[in-house]
PDB file of N, CA and C in Angstrom:
ATOM      1  N   MET A   1       0.841  -1.181   0.000  1.00  0.00           N
ATOM      2  CA  MET A   1       0.000   0.000   0.000  1.00  0.00           C
ATOM      3  C   MET A   1       0.882   1.239   0.000  1.00  0.00           C
ATOM      4  N   ASN A   2       0.622   2.129  -0.912  1.00  0.00           N
ATOM      5  CA  ASN A   2       1.341   3.399  -0.942  1.00  0.00           C
ATOM      6  C   ASN A   2       0.680   4.352   0.039  1.00  0.00           C
ATOM      7  N   ILE A   3       1.483   4.961   0.867  1.00  0.00           N
ATOM      8  CA  ILE A   3       0.985   5.902   1.861  1.00  0.00           C
ATOM      9  C   ILE A   3       1.451   7.284   1.457  1.00  0.00           C
ATOM     10  N   ALA A   4       0.501   8.194   1.297  1.00  0.00           N
ATOM     11  CA  ALA A   4       0.826   9.554   0.877  1.00  0.00           C
ATOM     12  C   ALA A   4       0.477  10.584   1.940  1.00  0.00           C
ATOM     13  N   THR A   5      -0.340  10.202   2.923  1.00  0.00           N
ATOM     14  CA  THR A   5      -0.743  11.146   3.964  1.00  0.00           C
ATOM     15  C   THR A   5      -0.697  10.466   5.330  1.00  0.00           C
ATOM     16  N   PHE A   6      -0.689  11.282   6.358  1.00  0.00           N
ATOM     17  CA  PHE A   6      -0.710  10.774   7.723  1.00  0.00           C
ATOM     18  C   PHE A   6      -1.978   9.955   7.966  1.00  0.00           C
ATOM     19  N   GLU A   7      -3.100  10.439   7.466  1.00  0.00           N
ATOM     20  CA  GLU A   7      -4.360   9.742   7.657  1.00  0.00           C
ATOM     21  C   GLU A   7      -4.358   8.378   6.968  1.00  0.00           C
ATOM     22  N   GLU A   8      -3.714   8.273   5.797  1.00  0.00           N
ATOM     23  CA  GLU A   8      -3.578   6.980   5.123  1.00  0.00           C
ATOM     24  C   GLU A   8      -2.724   6.025   5.949  1.00  0.00           C
ATOM     25  N   LEU A   9      -1.714   6.542   6.620  1.00  0.00           N
ATOM     26  CA  LEU A   9      -0.906   5.718   7.517  1.00  0.00           C
ATOM     27  C   LEU A   9      -1.777   5.162   8.637  1.00  0.00           C
ATOM     28  N   LEU A  10      -2.620   6.000   9.221  1.00  0.00           N
ATOM     29  CA  LEU A  10      -3.496   5.547  10.301  1.00  0.00           C
ATOM     30  C   LEU A  10      -4.441   4.447   9.819  1.00  0.00           C
ATOM     31  N   ILE A  11      -4.982   4.612   8.627  1.00  0.00           N
ATOM     32  CA  ILE A  11      -5.883   3.603   8.063  1.00  0.00           C
ATOM     33  C   ILE A  11      -5.127   2.294   7.826  1.00  0.00           C
ATOM     34  N   ALA A  12      -3.942   2.393   7.233  1.00  0.00           N
ATOM     35  CA  ALA A  12      -3.141   1.203   6.953  1.00  0.00           C
ATOM     36  C   ALA A  12      -2.803   0.460   8.248  1.00  0.00           C
ATOM     37  N   ALA A  13      -2.462   1.184   9.289  1.00  0.00           N
ATOM     38  CA  ALA A  13      -2.136   0.559  10.567  1.00  0.00           C
ATOM     39  C   ALA A  13      -3.378  -0.081  11.194  1.00  0.00           C
ATOM     40  N   ALA A  14      -4.519   0.558  11.044  1.00  0.00           N
ATOM     41  CA  ALA A  14      -5.754   0.059  11.658  1.00  0.00           C
ATOM     42  C   ALA A  14      -6.245  -1.239  11.016  1.00  0.00           C
ATOM     43  N   VAL A  15      -5.929  -1.474   9.749  1.00  0.00           N
ATOM     44  CA  VAL A  15      -6.443  -2.664   9.070  1.00  0.00           C
ATOM     45  C   VAL A  15      -5.458  -3.840   9.088  1.00  0.00           C
ATOM     46  N   GLN A  16      -4.353  -3.708   9.776  1.00  0.00           N
ATOM     47  CA  GLN A  16      -3.396  -4.806   9.863  1.00  0.00           C
ATOM     48  C   GLN A  16      -3.985  -5.946  10.694  1.00  0.00           C
ATOM     49  N   PRO A  17      -3.572  -7.183  10.425  1.00  0.00           N
ATOM     50  CA  PRO A  17      -4.133  -8.323  11.163  1.00  0.00           C
ATOM     51  C   PRO A  17      -3.767  -8.320  12.651  1.00  0.00           C
ATOM     52  N   GLN A  18      -2.659  -7.706  13.007  1.00  0.00           N
ATOM     53  CA  GLN A  18      -2.261  -7.594  14.414  1.00  0.00           C
ATOM     54  C   GLN A  18      -2.334  -6.132  14.831  1.00  0.00           C
ATOM     55  N   PRO A  19      -2.632  -5.877  16.102  1.00  0.00           N
ATOM     56  CA  PRO A  19      -2.685  -4.478  16.552  1.00  0.00           C
ATOM     57  C   PRO A  19      -1.327  -3.811  16.405  1.00  0.00           C
ATOM     58  N   GLN A  20      -1.356  -2.526  16.101  1.00  0.00           N
ATOM     59  CA  GLN A  20      -0.136  -1.769  15.836  1.00  0.00           C
ATOM     60  C   GLN A  20       0.056  -0.659  16.860  1.00  0.00           C
ATOM     61  N   ARG A  21       1.301  -0.448  17.226  1.00  0.00           N
ATOM     62  CA  ARG A  21       1.682   0.713  18.001  1.00  0.00           C
ATOM     63  C   ARG A  21       2.474   1.598  17.051  1.00  0.00           C
ATOM     64  N   LEU A  22       2.162   2.879  17.035  1.00  0.00           N
ATOM     65  CA  LEU A  22       2.915   3.816  16.212  1.00  0.00           C
ATOM     66  C   LEU A  22       4.052   4.387  17.045  1.00  0.00           C
ATOM     67  N   LEU A  23       5.247   4.365  16.497  1.00  0.00           N
ATOM     68  CA  LEU A  23       6.419   4.931  17.156  1.00  0.00           C
ATOM     69  C   LEU A  23       6.717   6.251  16.472  1.00  0.00           C
ATOM     70  N   LEU A  24       6.700   7.321  17.228  1.00  0.00           N
ATOM     71  CA  LEU A  24       6.818   8.671  16.683  1.00  0.00           C
ATOM     72  C   LEU A  24       8.044   9.356  17.268  1.00  0.00           C
ATOM     73  N   THR A  25       8.875   9.896  16.396  1.00  0.00           N
ATOM     74  CA  THR A  25      10.033  10.673  16.830  1.00  0.00           C
ATOM     75  C   THR A  25       9.986  12.033  16.157  1.00  0.00           C
ATOM     76  N   PHE A  26      10.035  13.062  16.967  1.00  0.00           N
ATOM     77  CA  PHE A  26      10.082  14.436  16.463  1.00  0.00           C
ATOM     78  C   PHE A  26      11.548  14.846  16.440  1.00  0.00           C
ATOM     79  N   ALA A  27      11.966  15.451  15.347  1.00  0.00           N
ATOM     80  CA  ALA A  27      13.383  15.797  15.172  1.00  0.00           C
ATOM     81  C   ALA A  27      13.529  17.215  14.637  1.00  0.00           C
ATOM     82  N   VAL A  28      14.678  17.800  14.931  1.00  0.00           N
ATOM     83  CA  VAL A  28      15.033  19.088  14.338  1.00  0.00           C
ATOM     84  C   VAL A  28      16.079  18.823  13.261  1.00  0.00           C
ATOM     85  N   ALA A  29      16.051  19.656  12.233  1.00  0.00           N
ATOM     86  CA  ALA A  29      17.028  19.560  11.150  1.00  0.00           C
ATOM     87  C   ALA A  29      18.147  20.548  11.436  1.00  0.00           C
ATOM     88  N   GLU A  30      19.339  20.024  11.656  1.00  0.00           N
ATOM     89  CA  GLU A  30      20.506  20.870  11.914  1.00  0.00           C
ATOM     90  C   GLU A  30      21.459  20.767  10.734  1.00  0.00           C
ATOM     91  N   PRO A  31      22.055  21.878  10.327  1.00  0.00           N
ATOM     92  CA  PRO A  31      22.996  21.824   9.201  1.00  0.00           C
ATOM     93  C   PRO A  31      24.199  20.948   9.534  1.00  0.00           C
ATOM     94  N   GLU A  32      24.619  20.186   8.549  1.00  0.00           N
ATOM     95  CA  GLU A  32      25.814  19.358   8.747  1.00  0.00           C
ATOM     96  C   GLU A  32      27.016  20.268   8.898  1.00  0.00           C
ATOM     97  N   PRO A  33      27.826  20.064   9.929  1.00  0.00           N
ATOM     98  CA  PRO A  33      28.946  20.971  10.179  1.00  0.00           C
ATOM     99  C   PRO A  33      30.085  20.856   9.182  1.00  0.00           C
ATOM    100  N   ASP A  34      30.217  19.704   8.534  1.00  0.00           N
ATOM    101  CA  ASP A  34      31.371  19.519   7.654  1.00  0.00           C
ATOM    102  C   ASP A  34      30.982  19.478   6.176  1.00  0.00           C
ATOM    103  N   ALA A  35      29.956  20.239   5.801  1.00  0.00           N
ATOM    104  CA  ALA A  35      29.547  20.289   4.393  1.00  0.00           C
ATOM    105  C   ALA A  35      30.646  20.959   3.570  1.00  0.00           C
ATOM    106  N   ALA A  36      30.871  20.417   2.392  1.00  0.00           N
ATOM    107  CA  ALA A  36      31.903  20.966   1.510  1.00  0.00           C
ATOM    108  C   ALA A  36      31.466  22.338   1.003  1.00  0.00           C
ATOM    109  N   PRO A  37      32.419  23.273   0.907  1.00  0.00           N
ATOM    110  CA  PRO A  37      32.076  24.602   0.387  1.00  0.00           C
ATOM    111  C   PRO A  37      31.510  24.502  -1.032  1.00  0.00           C
ATOM    112  N   GLY A  38      30.444  25.245  -1.287  1.00  0.00           N
ATOM    113  CA  GLY A  38      29.822  25.258  -2.601  1.00  0.00           C
ATOM    114  C   GLY A  38      28.846  24.125  -2.846  1.00  0.00           C
ATOM    115  N   SER A  39      28.772  23.165  -1.920  1.00  0.00           N
ATOM    116  CA  SER A  39      27.832  22.059  -2.101  1.00  0.00           C
ATOM    117  C   SER A  39      26.456  22.463  -1.586  1.00  0.00           C
ATOM    118  N   SER A  40      25.458  21.709  -1.984  1.00  0.00           N
ATOM    119  CA  SER A  40      24.101  21.980  -1.495  1.00  0.00           C
ATOM    120  C   SER A  40      24.067  21.758   0.006  1.00  0.00           C
ATOM    121  N   PRO A  41      23.417  22.656   0.717  1.00  0.00           N
ATOM    122  CA  PRO A  41      23.359  22.477   2.166  1.00  0.00           C
ATOM    123  C   PRO A  41      22.575  21.218   2.520  1.00  0.00           C
ATOM    124  N   ARG A  42      23.111  20.458   3.441  1.00  0.00           N
ATOM    125  CA  ARG A  42      22.464  19.230   3.914  1.00  0.00           C
ATOM    126  C   ARG A  42      22.193  19.370   5.393  1.00  0.00           C
ATOM    127  N   SER A  43      21.213  18.634   5.851  1.00  0.00           N
ATOM    128  CA  SER A  43      20.849  18.678   7.262  1.00  0.00           C
ATOM    129  C   SER A  43      20.934  17.297   7.875  1.00  0.00           C
ATOM    130  N   THR A  44      21.171  17.280   9.155  1.00  0.00           N
ATOM    131  CA  THR A  44      21.134  16.073   9.955  1.00  0.00           C
ATOM    132  C   THR A  44      19.915  16.168  10.856  1.00  0.00           C
ATOM    133  N   LEU A  45      19.159  15.091  10.961  1.00  0.00           N
ATOM    134  CA  LEU A  45      18.001  15.086  11.844  1.00  0.00           C
ATOM    135  C   LEU A  45      18.434  14.658  13.239  1.00  0.00           C
ATOM    136  N   VAL A  46      18.075  15.478  14.212  1.00  0.00           N
ATOM    137  CA  VAL A  46      18.425  15.218  15.601  1.00  0.00           C
ATOM    138  C   VAL A  46      17.127  15.015  16.384  1.00  0.00           C
ATOM    139  N   PRO A  47      16.899  13.806  16.915  1.00  0.00           N
ATOM    140  CA  PRO A  47      15.685  13.557  17.678  1.00  0.00           C
ATOM    141  C   PRO A  47      15.608  14.446  18.923  1.00  0.00           C
ATOM    142  N   VAL A  48      14.418  14.994  19.169  1.00  0.00           N
ATOM    143  CA  VAL A  48      14.223  15.831  20.354  1.00  0.00           C
ATOM    144  C   VAL A  48      13.136  15.286  21.280  1.00  0.00           C
ATOM    145  N   MET A  49      12.212  14.493  20.760  1.00  0.00           N
ATOM    146  CA  MET A  49      11.221  13.823  21.606  1.00  0.00           C
ATOM    147  C   MET A  49      10.650  12.637  20.849  1.00  0.00           C
ATOM    148  N   CYS A  50      10.258  11.618  21.612  1.00  0.00           N
ATOM    149  CA  CYS A  50       9.636  10.461  20.994  1.00  0.00           C
ATOM    150  C   CYS A  50       8.522   9.951  21.896  1.00  0.00           C
ATOM    151  N   VAL A  51       7.584   9.270  21.270  1.00  0.00           N
ATOM    152  CA  VAL A  51       6.426   8.761  21.992  1.00  0.00           C
ATOM    153  C   VAL A  51       5.848   7.598  21.193  1.00  0.00           C
ATOM    154  N   ASP A  52       5.127   6.741  21.863  1.00  0.00           N
ATOM    155  CA  ASP A  52       4.380   5.700  21.161  1.00  0.00           C
ATOM    156  C   ASP A  52       2.898   5.953  21.384  1.00  0.00           C
ATOM    157  N   LYS A  53       2.116   5.605  20.378  1.00  0.00           N
ATOM    158  CA  LYS A  53       0.663   5.800  20.432  1.00  0.00           C
ATOM    159  C   LYS A  53      -0.025   4.593  19.818  1.00  0.00           C
ATOM    160  N   GLN A  54      -1.179   4.260  20.360  1.00  0.00           N
ATOM    161  CA  GLN A  54      -2.034   3.287  19.708  1.00  0.00           C
ATOM    162  C   GLN A  54      -2.721   3.986  18.543  1.00  0.00           C
ATOM    163  N   VAL A  55      -3.067   3.229  17.532  1.00  0.00           N
ATOM    164  CA  VAL A  55      -3.685   3.812  16.349  1.00  0.00           C
ATOM    165  C   VAL A  55      -4.925   4.621  16.724  1.00  0.00           C
ATOM    166  N   GLY A  56      -5.741   4.113  17.626  1.00  0.00           N
ATOM    167  CA  GLY A  56      -6.971   4.781  18.024  1.00  0.00           C
ATOM    168  C   GLY A  56      -6.769   6.073  18.795  1.00  0.00           C
ATOM    169  N   GLU A  57      -5.545   6.332  19.243  1.00  0.00           N
ATOM    170  CA  GLU A  57      -5.262   7.565  19.990  1.00  0.00           C
ATOM    171  C   GLU A  57      -4.994   8.746  19.066  1.00  0.00           C
ATOM    172  N   LEU A  58      -4.895   8.486  17.775  1.00  0.00           N
ATOM    173  CA  LEU A  58      -4.588   9.538  16.808  1.00  0.00           C
ATOM    174  C   LEU A  58      -5.713   9.645  15.796  1.00  0.00           C
ATOM    175  N   ASP A  59      -5.977  10.874  15.345  1.00  0.00           N
ATOM    176  CA  ASP A  59      -6.994  11.035  14.308  1.00  0.00           C
ATOM    177  C   ASP A  59      -6.506  11.887  13.145  1.00  0.00           C
ATOM    178  N   THR A  60      -5.839  12.990  13.413  1.00  0.00           N
ATOM    179  CA  THR A  60      -5.334  13.830  12.330  1.00  0.00           C
ATOM    180  C   THR A  60      -3.923  14.296  12.659  1.00  0.00           C
ATOM    181  N   PHE A  61      -3.216  14.661  11.621  1.00  0.00           N
ATOM    182  CA  PHE A  61      -1.879  15.201  11.815  1.00  0.00           C
ATOM    183  C   PHE A  61      -1.953  16.516  12.591  1.00  0.00           C
ATOM    184  N   ALA A  62      -2.931  17.338  12.270  1.00  0.00           N
ATOM    185  CA  ALA A  62      -3.071  18.637  12.935  1.00  0.00           C
ATOM    186  C   ALA A  62      -3.213  18.470  14.447  1.00  0.00           C
ATOM    187  N   ASN A  63      -4.000  17.493  14.876  1.00  0.00           N
ATOM    188  CA  ASN A  63      -4.173  17.268  16.313  1.00  0.00           C
ATOM    189  C   ASN A  63      -2.882  16.767  16.963  1.00  0.00           C
ATOM    190  N   LEU A  64      -2.158  15.905  16.263  1.00  0.00           N
ATOM    191  CA  LEU A  64      -0.880  15.428  16.791  1.00  0.00           C
ATOM    192  C   LEU A  64       0.114  16.574  16.890  1.00  0.00           C
ATOM    193  N   ALA A  65       0.179  17.411  15.858  1.00  0.00           N
ATOM    194  CA  ALA A  65       1.102  18.553  15.871  1.00  0.00           C
ATOM    195  C   ALA A  65       0.754  19.517  17.000  1.00  0.00           C
ATOM    196  N   GLU A  66      -0.527  19.713  17.257  1.00  0.00           N
ATOM    197  CA  GLU A  66      -0.939  20.587  18.355  1.00  0.00           C
ATOM    198  C   GLU A  66      -0.527  20.002  19.701  1.00  0.00           C
ATOM    199  N   GLU A  67      -0.698  18.693  19.856  1.00  0.00           N
ATOM    200  CA  GLU A  67      -0.269  18.024  21.087  1.00  0.00           C
ATOM    201  C   GLU A  67       1.242  18.180  21.278  1.00  0.00           C
ATOM    202  N   ALA A  68       2.002  18.006  20.195  1.00  0.00           N
ATOM    203  CA  ALA A  68       3.458  18.147  20.262  1.00  0.00           C
ATOM    204  C   ALA A  68       3.852  19.576  20.610  1.00  0.00           C
ATOM    205  N   GLN A  69       3.116  20.546  20.103  1.00  0.00           N
ATOM    206  CA  GLN A  69       3.421  21.950  20.387  1.00  0.00           C
ATOM    207  C   GLN A  69       3.298  22.243  21.884  1.00  0.00           C
ATOM    208  N   HIS A  70       2.340  21.604  22.534  1.00  0.00           N
ATOM    209  CA  HIS A  70       2.151  21.810  23.976  1.00  0.00           C
ATOM    210  C   HIS A  70       3.326  21.279  24.794  1.00  0.00           C
ATOM    211  N   MET A  71       4.132  20.415  24.187  1.00  0.00           N
ATOM    212  CA  MET A  71       5.312  19.901  24.893  1.00  0.00           C
ATOM    213  C   MET A  71       6.413  20.956  24.952  1.00  0.00           C
ATOM    214  N   GLY A  72       6.306  21.988  24.114  1.00  0.00           N
ATOM    215  CA  GLY A  72       7.238  23.106  24.176  1.00  0.00           C
ATOM    216  C   GLY A  72       8.581  22.872  23.515  1.00  0.00           C
ATOM    217  N   GLN A  73       8.731  21.764  22.799  1.00  0.00           N
ATOM    218  CA  GLN A  73       9.997  21.457  22.144  1.00  0.00           C
ATOM    219  C   GLN A  73       9.868  21.713  20.644  1.00  0.00           C
ATOM    220  N   PRO A  74      10.664  22.606  20.065  1.00  0.00           N
ATOM    221  CA  PRO A  74      10.580  22.831  18.622  1.00  0.00           C
ATOM    222  C   PRO A  74      10.966  21.567  17.846  1.00  0.00           C
ATOM    223  N   TRP A  75      10.355  21.391  16.682  1.00  0.00           N
ATOM    224  CA  TRP A  75      10.683  20.256  15.820  1.00  0.00           C
ATOM    225  C   TRP A  75      10.420  20.637  14.370  1.00  0.00           C
ATOM    226  N   ASP A  76      11.089  19.931  13.466  1.00  0.00           N
ATOM    227  CA  ASP A  76      10.950  20.177  12.032  1.00  0.00           C
ATOM    228  C   ASP A  76      10.344  18.994  11.281  1.00  0.00           C
ATOM    229  N   VAL A  77      10.650  17.795  11.741  1.00  0.00           N
ATOM    230  CA  VAL A  77      10.257  16.581  11.032  1.00  0.00           C
ATOM    231  C   VAL A  77       9.716  15.562  12.028  1.00  0.00           C
ATOM    232  N   LEU A  78       8.643  14.874  11.622  1.00  0.00           N
ATOM    233  CA  LEU A  78       8.101  13.762  12.391  1.00  0.00           C
ATOM    234  C   LEU A  78       8.433  12.483  11.645  1.00  0.00           C
ATOM    235  N   LEU A  79       9.116  11.571  12.329  1.00  0.00           N
ATOM    236  CA  LEU A  79       9.466  10.269  11.758  1.00  0.00           C
ATOM    237  C   LEU A  79       8.593   9.215  12.427  1.00  0.00           C
ATOM    238  N   ILE A  80       8.071   8.299  11.617  1.00  0.00           N
ATOM    239  CA  ILE A  80       7.119   7.324  12.130  1.00  0.00           C
ATOM    240  C   ILE A  80       7.427   5.939  11.597  1.00  0.00           C
ATOM    241  N   THR A  81       7.262   4.959  12.469  1.00  0.00           N
ATOM    242  CA  THR A  81       7.240   3.556  12.074  1.00  0.00           C
ATOM    243  C   THR A  81       6.191   2.868  12.936  1.00  0.00           C
ATOM    244  N   THR A  82       5.942   1.603  12.628  1.00  0.00           N
ATOM    245  CA  THR A  82       4.961   0.858  13.408  1.00  0.00           C
ATOM    246  C   THR A  82       5.631  -0.331  14.077  1.00  0.00           C
ATOM    247  N   LEU A  83       4.993  -0.800  15.132  1.00  0.00           N
ATOM    248  CA  LEU A  83       5.433  -1.986  15.846  1.00  0.00           C
ATOM    249  C   LEU A  83       4.222  -2.890  15.976  1.00  0.00           C
ATOM    250  N   SER A  84       4.320  -4.082  15.402  1.00  0.00           N
ATOM    251  CA  SER A  84       3.191  -5.016  15.397  1.00  0.00           C
ATOM    252  C   SER A  84       3.099  -5.777  16.706  1.00  0.00           C
ATOM    253  N   GLY A  85       1.862  -6.008  17.104  1.00  0.00           N
ATOM    254  CA  GLY A  85       1.602  -6.857  18.250  1.00  0.00           C
ATOM    255  C   GLY A  85       1.634  -8.318  17.836  1.00  0.00           C
ATOM    256  N   LYS A  86       1.239  -9.156  18.777  1.00  0.00           N
ATOM    257  CA  LYS A  86       1.237 -10.595  18.517  1.00  0.00           C
ATOM    258  C   LYS A  86       0.053 -11.206  19.242  1.00  0.00           C
ATOM    259  N   ASP A  87      -0.564 -12.170  18.612  1.00  0.00           N
ATOM    260  CA  ASP A  87      -1.705 -12.872  19.193  1.00  0.00           C
ATOM    261  C   ASP A  87      -2.816 -11.916  19.615  1.00  0.00           C
ATOM    262  N   GLY A  88      -3.023 -10.870  18.804  1.00  0.00           N
ATOM    263  CA  GLY A  88      -4.102  -9.929  19.073  1.00  0.00           C
ATOM    264  C   GLY A  88      -3.817  -8.927  20.177  1.00  0.00           C
ATOM    265  N   ARG A  89      -2.595  -8.897  20.676  1.00  0.00           N
ATOM    266  CA  ARG A  89      -2.229  -7.972  21.756  1.00  0.00           C
ATOM    267  C   ARG A  89      -1.201  -6.966  21.271  1.00  0.00           C
ATOM    268  N   LEU A  90      -1.305  -5.756  21.791  1.00  0.00           N
ATOM    269  CA  LEU A  90      -0.309  -4.724  21.483  1.00  0.00           C
ATOM    270  C   LEU A  90       1.035  -5.111  22.085  1.00  0.00           C
ATOM    271  N   PRO A  91       2.114  -4.617  21.515  1.00  0.00           N
ATOM    272  CA  PRO A  91       3.429  -4.833  22.135  1.00  0.00           C
ATOM    273  C   PRO A  91       3.433  -4.250  23.549  1.00  0.00           C
ATOM    274  N   ASP A  92       4.142  -4.909  24.463  1.00  0.00           N
ATOM    275  CA  ASP A  92       4.198  -4.417  25.843  1.00  0.00           C
ATOM    276  C   ASP A  92       5.193  -3.263  25.963  1.00  0.00           C
ATOM    277  N   ALA A  93       5.273  -2.690  27.141  1.00  0.00           N
ATOM    278  CA  ALA A  93       6.116  -1.511  27.369  1.00  0.00           C
ATOM    279  C   ALA A  93       7.585  -1.803  27.078  1.00  0.00           C
ATOM    280  N   GLN A  94       8.075  -2.976  27.467  1.00  0.00           N
ATOM    281  CA  GLN A  94       9.485  -3.300  27.224  1.00  0.00           C
ATOM    282  C   GLN A  94       9.773  -3.425  25.734  1.00  0.00           C
ATOM    283  N   GLN A  95       8.899  -4.110  24.996  1.00  0.00           N
ATOM    284  CA  GLN A  95       9.080  -4.242  23.547  1.00  0.00           C
ATOM    285  C   GLN A  95       9.044  -2.871  22.875  1.00  0.00           C
ATOM    286  N   THR A  96       8.142  -2.026  23.355  1.00  0.00           N
ATOM    287  CA  THR A  96       8.007  -0.690  22.781  1.00  0.00           C
ATOM    288  C   THR A  96       9.257   0.144  23.048  1.00  0.00           C
ATOM    289  N   ASP A  97       9.772   0.083  24.271  1.00  0.00           N
ATOM    290  CA  ASP A  97      10.989   0.836  24.599  1.00  0.00           C
ATOM    291  C   ASP A  97      12.174   0.382  23.753  1.00  0.00           C
ATOM    292  N   VAL A  98      12.320  -0.926  23.580  1.00  0.00           N
ATOM    293  CA  VAL A  98      13.411  -1.459  22.759  1.00  0.00           C
ATOM    294  C   VAL A  98      13.274  -0.958  21.319  1.00  0.00           C
ATOM    295  N   ALA A  99      12.049  -1.000  20.794  1.00  0.00           N
ATOM    296  CA  ALA A  99      11.816  -0.561  19.419  1.00  0.00           C
ATOM    297  C   ALA A  99      12.067   0.939  19.262  1.00  0.00           C
ATOM    298  N   LEU A 100      11.650   1.742  20.241  1.00  0.00           N
ATOM    299  CA  LEU A 100      11.913   3.191  20.185  1.00  0.00           C
ATOM    300  C   LEU A 100      13.408   3.471  20.208  1.00  0.00           C
ATOM    301  N   ASN A 101      14.142   2.750  21.040  1.00  0.00           N
ATOM    302  CA  ASN A 101      15.593   2.947  21.098  1.00  0.00           C
ATOM    303  C   ASN A 101      16.262   2.547  19.788  1.00  0.00           C
ATOM    304  N   LYS A 102      15.782   1.468  19.148  1.00  0.00           N
ATOM    305  CA  LYS A 102      16.324   1.078  17.842  1.00  0.00           C
ATOM    306  C   LYS A 102      16.022   2.150  16.806  1.00  0.00           C
ATOM    307  N   MET A 103      14.817   2.702  16.880  1.00  0.00           N
ATOM    308  CA  MET A 103      14.430   3.762  15.950  1.00  0.00           C
ATOM    309  C   MET A 103      15.343   4.970  16.112  1.00  0.00           C
ATOM    310  N   LEU A 104      15.584   5.378  17.353  1.00  0.00           N
ATOM    311  CA  LEU A 104      16.465   6.519  17.612  1.00  0.00           C
ATOM    312  C   LEU A 104      17.868   6.252  17.081  1.00  0.00           C
ATOM    313  N   GLY A 105      18.369   5.042  17.295  1.00  0.00           N
ATOM    314  CA  GLY A 105      19.687   4.683  16.780  1.00  0.00           C
ATOM    315  C   GLY A 105      19.731   4.739  15.264  1.00  0.00           C
ATOM    316  N   ALA A 106      18.678   4.255  14.621  1.00  0.00           N
ATOM    317  CA  ALA A 106      18.625   4.285  13.157  1.00  0.00           C
ATOM    318  C   ALA A 106      18.629   5.718  12.646  1.00  0.00           C
ATOM    319  N   ILE A 107      17.877   6.595  13.293  1.00  0.00           N
ATOM    320  CA  ILE A 107      17.839   8.006  12.889  1.00  0.00           C
ATOM    321  C   ILE A 107      19.226   8.622  13.037  1.00  0.00           C
ATOM    322  N   GLN A 108      19.878   8.365  14.155  1.00  0.00           N
ATOM    323  CA  GLN A 108      21.196   8.933  14.395  1.00  0.00           C
ATOM    324  C   GLN A 108      22.232   8.425  13.401  1.00  0.00           C
ATOM    325  N   GLN A 109      22.023   7.222  12.868  1.00  0.00           N
ATOM    326  CA  GLN A 109      22.947   6.660  11.887  1.00  0.00           C
ATOM    327  C   GLN A 109      22.517   6.958  10.448  1.00  0.00           C
ATOM    328  N   GLY A 110      21.406   7.689  10.296  1.00  0.00           N
ATOM    329  CA  GLY A 110      20.926   8.038   8.968  1.00  0.00           C
ATOM    330  C   GLY A 110      20.270   6.889   8.227  1.00  0.00           C
ATOM    331  N   GLN A 111      19.877   5.852   8.949  1.00  0.00           N
ATOM    332  CA  GLN A 111      19.247   4.675   8.341  1.00  0.00           C
ATOM    333  C   GLN A 111      17.729   4.789   8.500  1.00  0.00           C
ATOM    334  N   MET A 112      17.121   5.563   7.623  1.00  0.00           N
ATOM    335  CA  MET A 112      15.707   5.871   7.792  1.00  0.00           C
ATOM    336  C   MET A 112      14.832   5.294   6.697  1.00  0.00           C
ATOM    337  N   ASP A 113      15.327   4.270   5.989  1.00  0.00           N
ATOM    338  CA  ASP A 113      14.571   3.701   4.883  1.00  0.00           C
ATOM    339  C   ASP A 113      13.271   3.034   5.329  1.00  0.00           C
ATOM    340  N   ARG A 114      13.135   2.682   6.583  1.00  0.00           N
ATOM    341  CA  ARG A 114      11.914   2.034   7.080  1.00  0.00           C
ATOM    342  C   ARG A 114      11.019   3.006   7.849  1.00  0.00           C
ATOM    343  N   LEU A 115      11.318   4.286   7.735  1.00  0.00           N
ATOM    344  CA  LEU A 115      10.546   5.305   8.446  1.00  0.00           C
ATOM    345  C   LEU A 115       9.848   6.220   7.455  1.00  0.00           C
ATOM    346  N   LEU A 116       8.649   6.645   7.802  1.00  0.00           N
ATOM    347  CA  LEU A 116       7.984   7.703   7.049  1.00  0.00           C
ATOM    348  C   LEU A 116       8.324   9.018   7.719  1.00  0.00           C
ATOM    349  N   ALA A 117       8.447  10.059   6.944  1.00  0.00           N
ATOM    350  CA  ALA A 117       8.779  11.381   7.470  1.00  0.00           C
ATOM    351  C   ALA A 117       7.746  12.388   6.985  1.00  0.00           C
ATOM    352  N   PHE A 118       7.313  13.237   7.908  1.00  0.00           N
ATOM    353  CA  PHE A 118       6.355  14.294   7.598  1.00  0.00           C
ATOM    354  C   PHE A 118       6.909  15.622   8.089  1.00  0.00           C
ATOM    355  N   ASP A 119       6.668  16.690   7.314  1.00  0.00           N
ATOM    356  CA  ASP A 119       7.069  18.018   7.774  1.00  0.00           C
ATOM    357  C   ASP A 119       6.002  18.564   8.726  1.00  0.00           C
ATOM    358  N   ARG A 120       6.199  19.769   9.214  1.00  0.00           N
ATOM    359  CA  ARG A 120       5.293  20.370  10.200  1.00  0.00           C
ATOM    360  C   ARG A 120       3.885  20.595   9.649  1.00  0.00           C
ATOM    361  N   GLN A 121       3.740  20.646   8.336  1.00  0.00           N
ATOM    362  CA  GLN A 121       2.426  20.834   7.732  1.00  0.00           C
ATOM    363  C   GLN A 121       1.733  19.495   7.450  1.00  0.00           C
ATOM    364  N   GLY A 122       2.418  18.395   7.737  1.00  0.00           N
ATOM    365  CA  GLY A 122       1.852  17.076   7.510  1.00  0.00           C
ATOM    366  C   GLY A 122       2.096  16.532   6.125  1.00  0.00           C
ATOM    367  N   ASP A 123       2.998  17.160   5.367  1.00  0.00           N
ATOM    368  CA  ASP A 123       3.332  16.691   4.032  1.00  0.00           C
ATOM    369  C   ASP A 123       4.384  15.579   4.139  1.00  0.00           C
ATOM    370  N   LEU A 124       4.167  14.519   3.386  1.00  0.00           N
ATOM    371  CA  LEU A 124       5.107  13.406   3.358  1.00  0.00           C
ATOM    372  C   LEU A 124       6.397  13.865   2.694  1.00  0.00           C
ATOM    373  N   LEU A 125       7.524  13.550   3.314  1.00  0.00           N
ATOM    374  CA  LEU A 125       8.830  13.933   2.780  1.00  0.00           C
ATOM    375  C   LEU A 125       9.487  12.713   2.144  1.00  0.00           C
ATOM    376  N   SER A 126      10.356  12.967   1.183  1.00  0.00           N
ATOM    377  CA  SER A 126      11.155  11.873   0.623  1.00  0.00           C
ATOM    378  C   SER A 126      12.610  12.156   0.964  1.00  0.00           C
ATOM    379  N   TYR A 127      13.372  11.093   1.079  1.00  0.00           N
ATOM    380  CA  TYR A 127      14.789  11.218   1.429  1.00  0.00           C
ATOM    381  C   TYR A 127      15.610  11.405   0.167  1.00  0.00           C
ATOM    382  N   ALA A 128      16.591  12.293   0.259  1.00  0.00           N
ATOM    383  CA  ALA A 128      17.485  12.514  -0.885  1.00  0.00           C
ATOM    384  C   ALA A 128      18.772  11.782  -0.664  1.00  0.00           C
TER     385      ALA A 128
END
């Protein structure tokens, strides 16, 4: 299934055979310090907050962005992946924490091929 919007992601997660937990990381884009002179400016994503949510806890990107704004931490990009449950049950807290830590490590290493990224307006981003 091709996902083009946040709402399509929610629908895709809701129709999976096992319950899904959404893993969300908010990041700021910081300029790479060692960019070559004259090259196109590149940014590094630095995670600033992360949270997990059940699919039913989210409805629109706008509502999620408003909730994030109340946390008081600026962000530029929202990175998302899912974590599947088993036997009809959501992943437990330990499984979720392990998965969030793996996600953070992947972001820090620039390995984001399994993550969806959205800008502050909720537009899907592609990686260059």
